[in-house]
Amino acid sequence: MDPQTGRAGFAAGLFVVVTSLMMLPFQDWDSAAFIVTVLTLGVGLTFLGIVIFAVRRSLK
């Protein structure tokens, strides 16, 4: 994997995770926005995991 691609993927995933974590405390637990924020956090964490796995695999 190209190092620039790994950095870009990591930066994008980190942006999604940090943004959703910053929004989470301000959401009502009973609102649809809370569910969307939690799902976004899950997708961001999954994406970061995939990027980290791909980068580590390409180093071997």
PDB file of N, CA and C in Angstrom:
ATOM      1  N   MET A   1       0.852  -1.177   0.000  1.00  0.00           N
ATOM      2  CA  MET A   1       0.000   0.000   0.000  1.00  0.00           C
ATOM      3  C   MET A   1       0.892   1.233   0.000  1.00  0.00           C
ATOM      4  N   ASP A   2       0.524   2.199  -0.808  1.00  0.00           N
ATOM      5  CA  ASP A   2       1.246   3.457  -0.877  1.00  0.00           C
ATOM      6  C   ASP A   2       1.107   4.191   0.459  1.00  0.00           C
ATOM      7  N   PRO A   3       2.208   4.723   0.988  1.00  0.00           N
ATOM      8  CA  PRO A   3       2.120   5.422   2.287  1.00  0.00           C
ATOM      9  C   PRO A   3       1.150   6.604   2.277  1.00  0.00           C
ATOM     10  N   GLN A   4       1.063   7.310   1.168  1.00  0.00           N
ATOM     11  CA  GLN A   4       0.142   8.449   1.092  1.00  0.00           C
ATOM     12  C   GLN A   4      -1.310   7.981   1.168  1.00  0.00           C
ATOM     13  N   THR A   5      -1.604   6.838   0.574  1.00  0.00           N
ATOM     14  CA  THR A   5      -2.962   6.296   0.638  1.00  0.00           C
ATOM     15  C   THR A   5      -3.323   5.905   2.067  1.00  0.00           C
ATOM     16  N   GLY A   6      -2.382   5.293   2.769  1.00  0.00           N
ATOM     17  CA  GLY A   6      -2.625   4.924   4.161  1.00  0.00           C
ATOM     18  C   GLY A   6      -2.839   6.142   5.046  1.00  0.00           C
ATOM     19  N   ARG A   7      -2.029   7.176   4.832  1.00  0.00           N
ATOM     20  CA  ARG A   7      -2.181   8.405   5.620  1.00  0.00           C
ATOM     21  C   ARG A   7      -3.522   9.074   5.343  1.00  0.00           C
ATOM     22  N   ALA A   8      -3.902   9.124   4.072  1.00  0.00           N
ATOM     23  CA  ALA A   8      -5.173   9.758   3.713  1.00  0.00           C
ATOM     24  C   ALA A   8      -6.355   8.984   4.303  1.00  0.00           C
ATOM     25  N   GLY A   9      -6.308   7.670   4.222  1.00  0.00           N
ATOM     26  CA  GLY A   9      -7.373   6.856   4.808  1.00  0.00           C
ATOM     27  C   GLY A   9      -7.445   6.997   6.311  1.00  0.00           C
ATOM     28  N   PHE A  10      -6.281   7.023   6.952  1.00  0.00           N
ATOM     29  CA  PHE A  10      -6.252   7.191   8.407  1.00  0.00           C
ATOM     30  C   PHE A  10      -6.780   8.562   8.809  1.00  0.00           C
ATOM     31  N   ALA A  11      -6.401   9.597   8.061  1.00  0.00           N
ATOM     32  CA  ALA A  11      -6.870  10.953   8.378  1.00  0.00           C
ATOM     33  C   ALA A  11      -8.383  11.066   8.196  1.00  0.00           C
ATOM     34  N   ALA A  12      -8.909  10.465   7.131  1.00  0.00           N
ATOM     35  CA  ALA A  12     -10.357  10.516   6.892  1.00  0.00           C
ATOM     36  C   ALA A  12     -11.114   9.759   7.990  1.00  0.00           C
ATOM     37  N   GLY A  13     -10.630   8.580   8.339  1.00  0.00           N
ATOM     38  CA  GLY A  13     -11.275   7.810   9.400  1.00  0.00           C
ATOM     39  C   GLY A  13     -11.200   8.495  10.751  1.00  0.00           C
ATOM     40  N   LEU A  14     -10.068   9.089  11.036  1.00  0.00           N
ATOM     41  CA  LEU A  14      -9.911   9.809  12.299  1.00  0.00           C
ATOM     42  C   LEU A  14     -10.813  11.033  12.353  1.00  0.00           C
ATOM     43  N   PHE A  15     -10.985  11.712  11.228  1.00  0.00           N
ATOM     44  CA  PHE A  15     -11.884  12.856  11.177  1.00  0.00           C
ATOM     45  C   PHE A  15     -13.317  12.444  11.489  1.00  0.00           C
ATOM     46  N   VAL A  16     -13.764  11.339  10.907  1.00  0.00           N
ATOM     47  CA  VAL A  16     -15.129  10.859  11.142  1.00  0.00           C
ATOM     48  C   VAL A  16     -15.311  10.469  12.611  1.00  0.00           C
ATOM     49  N   VAL A  17     -14.347   9.775  13.179  1.00  0.00           N
ATOM     50  CA  VAL A  17     -14.457   9.316  14.569  1.00  0.00           C
ATOM     51  C   VAL A  17     -14.440  10.500  15.536  1.00  0.00           C
ATOM     52  N   VAL A  18     -13.506  11.422  15.351  1.00  0.00           N
ATOM     53  CA  VAL A  18     -13.405  12.561  16.268  1.00  0.00           C
ATOM     54  C   VAL A  18     -14.637  13.451  16.166  1.00  0.00           C
ATOM     55  N   THR A  19     -15.107  13.685  14.949  1.00  0.00           N
ATOM     56  CA  THR A  19     -16.293  14.519  14.772  1.00  0.00           C
ATOM     57  C   THR A  19     -17.520  13.888  15.429  1.00  0.00           C
ATOM     58  N   SER A  20     -17.707  12.596  15.246  1.00  0.00           N
ATOM     59  CA  SER A  20     -18.872  11.948  15.858  1.00  0.00           C
ATOM     60  C   SER A  20     -18.738  11.889  17.376  1.00  0.00           C
ATOM     61  N   LEU A  21     -17.526  11.728  17.887  1.00  0.00           N
ATOM     62  CA  LEU A  21     -17.341  11.743  19.338  1.00  0.00           C
ATOM     63  C   LEU A  21     -17.616  13.122  19.926  1.00  0.00           C
ATOM     64  N   MET A  22     -17.284  14.169  19.186  1.00  0.00           N
ATOM     65  CA  MET A  22     -17.555  15.522  19.670  1.00  0.00           C
ATOM     66  C   MET A  22     -19.054  15.831  19.666  1.00  0.00           C
ATOM     67  N   MET A  23     -19.796  15.267  18.729  1.00  0.00           N
ATOM     68  CA  MET A  23     -21.231  15.522  18.636  1.00  0.00           C
ATOM     69  C   MET A  23     -22.046  14.673  19.603  1.00  0.00           C
ATOM     70  N   LEU A  24     -21.535  13.536  19.988  1.00  0.00           N
ATOM     71  CA  LEU A  24     -22.295  12.570  20.782  1.00  0.00           C
ATOM     72  C   LEU A  24     -22.830  13.114  22.106  1.00  0.00           C
ATOM     73  N   PRO A  25     -22.072  13.867  22.895  1.00  0.00           N
ATOM     74  CA  PRO A  25     -22.621  14.341  24.178  1.00  0.00           C
ATOM     75  C   PRO A  25     -23.769  15.336  24.039  1.00  0.00           C
ATOM     76  N   PHE A  26     -23.902  15.952  22.886  1.00  0.00           N
ATOM     77  CA  PHE A  26     -24.933  16.968  22.702  1.00  0.00           C
ATOM     78  C   PHE A  26     -26.219  16.431  22.084  1.00  0.00           C
ATOM     79  N   GLN A  27     -26.296  15.124  21.872  1.00  0.00           N
ATOM     80  CA  GLN A  27     -27.484  14.516  21.269  1.00  0.00           C
ATOM     81  C   GLN A  27     -28.412  13.985  22.364  1.00  0.00           C
ATOM     82  N   ASP A  28     -29.713  14.091  22.124  1.00  0.00           N
ATOM     83  CA  ASP A  28     -30.685  13.462  23.020  1.00  0.00           C
ATOM     84  C   ASP A  28     -30.702  11.962  22.765  1.00  0.00           C
ATOM     85  N   TRP A  29     -30.798  11.194  23.842  1.00  0.00           N
ATOM     86  CA  TRP A  29     -30.768   9.736  23.709  1.00  0.00           C
ATOM     87  C   TRP A  29     -31.962   9.196  22.930  1.00  0.00           C
ATOM     88  N   ASP A  30     -33.066   9.919  22.917  1.00  0.00           N
ATOM     89  CA  ASP A  30     -34.276   9.438  22.259  1.00  0.00           C
ATOM     90  C   ASP A  30     -34.418   9.934  20.826  1.00  0.00           C
ATOM     91  N   SER A  31     -33.438  10.632  20.310  1.00  0.00           N
ATOM     92  CA  SER A  31     -33.574  11.218  18.981  1.00  0.00           C
ATOM     93  C   SER A  31     -32.934  10.327  17.917  1.00  0.00           C
ATOM     94  N   ALA A  32     -33.355  10.550  16.692  1.00  0.00           N
ATOM     95  CA  ALA A  32     -32.787   9.821  15.567  1.00  0.00           C
ATOM     96  C   ALA A  32     -31.349  10.270  15.305  1.00  0.00           C
ATOM     97  N   ALA A  33     -31.035  11.506  15.639  1.00  0.00           N
ATOM     98  CA  ALA A  33     -29.677  12.009  15.430  1.00  0.00           C
ATOM     99  C   ALA A  33     -28.675  11.251  16.297  1.00  0.00           C
ATOM    100  N   PHE A  34     -29.087  10.817  17.470  1.00  0.00           N
ATOM    101  CA  PHE A  34     -28.207  10.031  18.340  1.00  0.00           C
ATOM    102  C   PHE A  34     -27.859   8.699  17.685  1.00  0.00           C
ATOM    103  N   ILE A  35     -28.866   8.061  17.095  1.00  0.00           N
ATOM    104  CA  ILE A  35     -28.649   6.774  16.424  1.00  0.00           C
ATOM    105  C   ILE A  35     -27.709   6.953  15.239  1.00  0.00           C
ATOM    106  N   VAL A  36     -27.915   8.000  14.461  1.00  0.00           N
ATOM    107  CA  VAL A  36     -27.062   8.260  13.306  1.00  0.00           C
ATOM    108  C   VAL A  36     -25.630   8.544  13.755  1.00  0.00           C
ATOM    109  N   THR A  37     -25.475   9.277  14.835  1.00  0.00           N
ATOM    110  CA  THR A  37     -24.135   9.583  15.343  1.00  0.00           C
ATOM    111  C   THR A  37     -23.430   8.329  15.831  1.00  0.00           C
ATOM    112  N   VAL A  38     -24.143   7.453  16.509  1.00  0.00           N
ATOM    113  CA  VAL A  38     -23.549   6.200  16.985  1.00  0.00           C
ATOM    114  C   VAL A  38     -23.185   5.303  15.802  1.00  0.00           C
ATOM    115  N   LEU A  39     -24.046   5.239  14.803  1.00  0.00           N
ATOM    116  CA  LEU A  39     -23.733   4.449  13.613  1.00  0.00           C
ATOM    117  C   LEU A  39     -22.524   5.020  12.878  1.00  0.00           C
ATOM    118  N   THR A  40     -22.428   6.334  12.802  1.00  0.00           N
ATOM    119  CA  THR A  40     -21.283   6.970  12.167  1.00  0.00           C
ATOM    120  C   THR A  40     -19.999   6.659  12.930  1.00  0.00           C
ATOM    121  N   LEU A  41     -20.074   6.667  14.237  1.00  0.00           N
ATOM    122  CA  LEU A  41     -18.916   6.308  15.053  1.00  0.00           C
ATOM    123  C   LEU A  41     -18.488   4.867  14.775  1.00  0.00           C
ATOM    124  N   GLY A  42     -19.459   3.977  14.683  1.00  0.00           N
ATOM    125  CA  GLY A  42     -19.146   2.580  14.388  1.00  0.00           C
ATOM    126  C   GLY A  42     -18.520   2.396  13.013  1.00  0.00           C
ATOM    127  N   VAL A  43     -19.044   3.094  12.021  1.00  0.00           N
ATOM    128  CA  VAL A  43     -18.487   3.008  10.667  1.00  0.00           C
ATOM    129  C   VAL A  43     -17.075   3.578  10.640  1.00  0.00           C
ATOM    130  N   GLY A  44     -16.860   4.690  11.332  1.00  0.00           N
ATOM    131  CA  GLY A  44     -15.527   5.294  11.377  1.00  0.00           C
ATOM    132  C   GLY A  44     -14.510   4.385  12.047  1.00  0.00           C
ATOM    133  N   LEU A  45     -14.899   3.769  13.160  1.00  0.00           N
ATOM    134  CA  LEU A  45     -13.991   2.858  13.851  1.00  0.00           C
ATOM    135  C   LEU A  45     -13.698   1.617  13.012  1.00  0.00           C
ATOM    136  N   THR A  46     -14.712   1.113  12.320  1.00  0.00           N
ATOM    137  CA  THR A  46     -14.508  -0.029  11.437  1.00  0.00           C
ATOM    138  C   THR A  46     -13.565   0.334  10.301  1.00  0.00           C
ATOM    139  N   PHE A  47     -13.759   1.495   9.703  1.00  0.00           N
ATOM    140  CA  PHE A  47     -12.891   1.946   8.625  1.00  0.00           C
ATOM    141  C   PHE A  47     -11.451   2.111   9.110  1.00  0.00           C
ATOM    142  N   LEU A  48     -11.274   2.697  10.299  1.00  0.00           N
ATOM    143  CA  LEU A  48      -9.925   2.833  10.850  1.00  0.00           C
ATOM    144  C   LEU A  48      -9.280   1.465  11.077  1.00  0.00           C
ATOM    145  N   GLY A  49     -10.054   0.522  11.558  1.00  0.00           N
ATOM    146  CA  GLY A  49      -9.528  -0.832  11.754  1.00  0.00           C
ATOM    147  C   GLY A  49      -9.087  -1.479  10.461  1.00  0.00           C
ATOM    148  N   ILE A  50      -9.875  -1.290   9.405  1.00  0.00           N
ATOM    149  CA  ILE A  50      -9.520  -1.853   8.101  1.00  0.00           C
ATOM    150  C   ILE A  50      -8.252  -1.196   7.563  1.00  0.00           C
ATOM    151  N   VAL A  51      -8.156   0.118   7.697  1.00  0.00           N
ATOM    152  CA  VAL A  51      -6.966   0.829   7.211  1.00  0.00           C
ATOM    153  C   VAL A  51      -5.729   0.376   7.984  1.00  0.00           C
ATOM    154  N   ILE A  52      -5.840   0.290   9.293  1.00  0.00           N
ATOM    155  CA  ILE A  52      -4.696  -0.139  10.105  1.00  0.00           C
ATOM    156  C   ILE A  52      -4.291  -1.561   9.744  1.00  0.00           C
ATOM    157  N   PHE A  53      -5.265  -2.446   9.559  1.00  0.00           N
ATOM    158  CA  PHE A  53      -4.971  -3.833   9.184  1.00  0.00           C
ATOM    159  C   PHE A  53      -4.283  -3.879   7.821  1.00  0.00           C
ATOM    160  N   ALA A  54      -4.766  -3.104   6.858  1.00  0.00           N
ATOM    161  CA  ALA A  54      -4.180  -3.111   5.514  1.00  0.00           C
ATOM    162  C   ALA A  54      -2.760  -2.564   5.511  1.00  0.00           C
ATOM    163  N   VAL A  55      -2.528  -1.517   6.284  1.00  0.00           N
ATOM    164  CA  VAL A  55      -1.183  -0.943   6.337  1.00  0.00           C
ATOM    165  C   VAL A  55      -0.216  -1.906   7.007  1.00  0.00           C
ATOM    166  N   ARG A  56      -0.623  -2.510   8.092  1.00  0.00           N
ATOM    167  CA  ARG A  56       0.261  -3.462   8.780  1.00  0.00           C
ATOM    168  C   ARG A  56       0.525  -4.687   7.914  1.00  0.00           C
ATOM    169  N   ARG A  57      -0.463  -5.113   7.165  1.00  0.00           N
ATOM    170  CA  ARG A  57      -0.287  -6.282   6.301  1.00  0.00           C
ATOM    171  C   ARG A  57       0.659  -5.981   5.144  1.00  0.00           C
ATOM    172  N   SER A  58       0.603  -4.737   4.653  1.00  0.00           N
ATOM    173  CA  SER A  58       1.464  -4.388   3.532  1.00  0.00           C
ATOM    174  C   SER A  58       2.912  -4.183   3.963  1.00  0.00           C
ATOM    175  N   LEU A  59       3.164  -3.983   5.248  1.00  0.00           N
ATOM    176  CA  LEU A  59       4.534  -3.804   5.731  1.00  0.00           C
ATOM    177  C   LEU A  59       5.301  -5.130   5.797  1.00  0.00           C
ATOM    178  N   LYS A  60       4.590  -6.225   5.870  1.00  0.00           N
ATOM    179  CA  LYS A  60       5.257  -7.541   5.973  1.00  0.00           C
ATOM    180  C   LYS A  60       5.711  -8.047   4.635  1.00  0.00           C
TER     181      LYS A  60
END
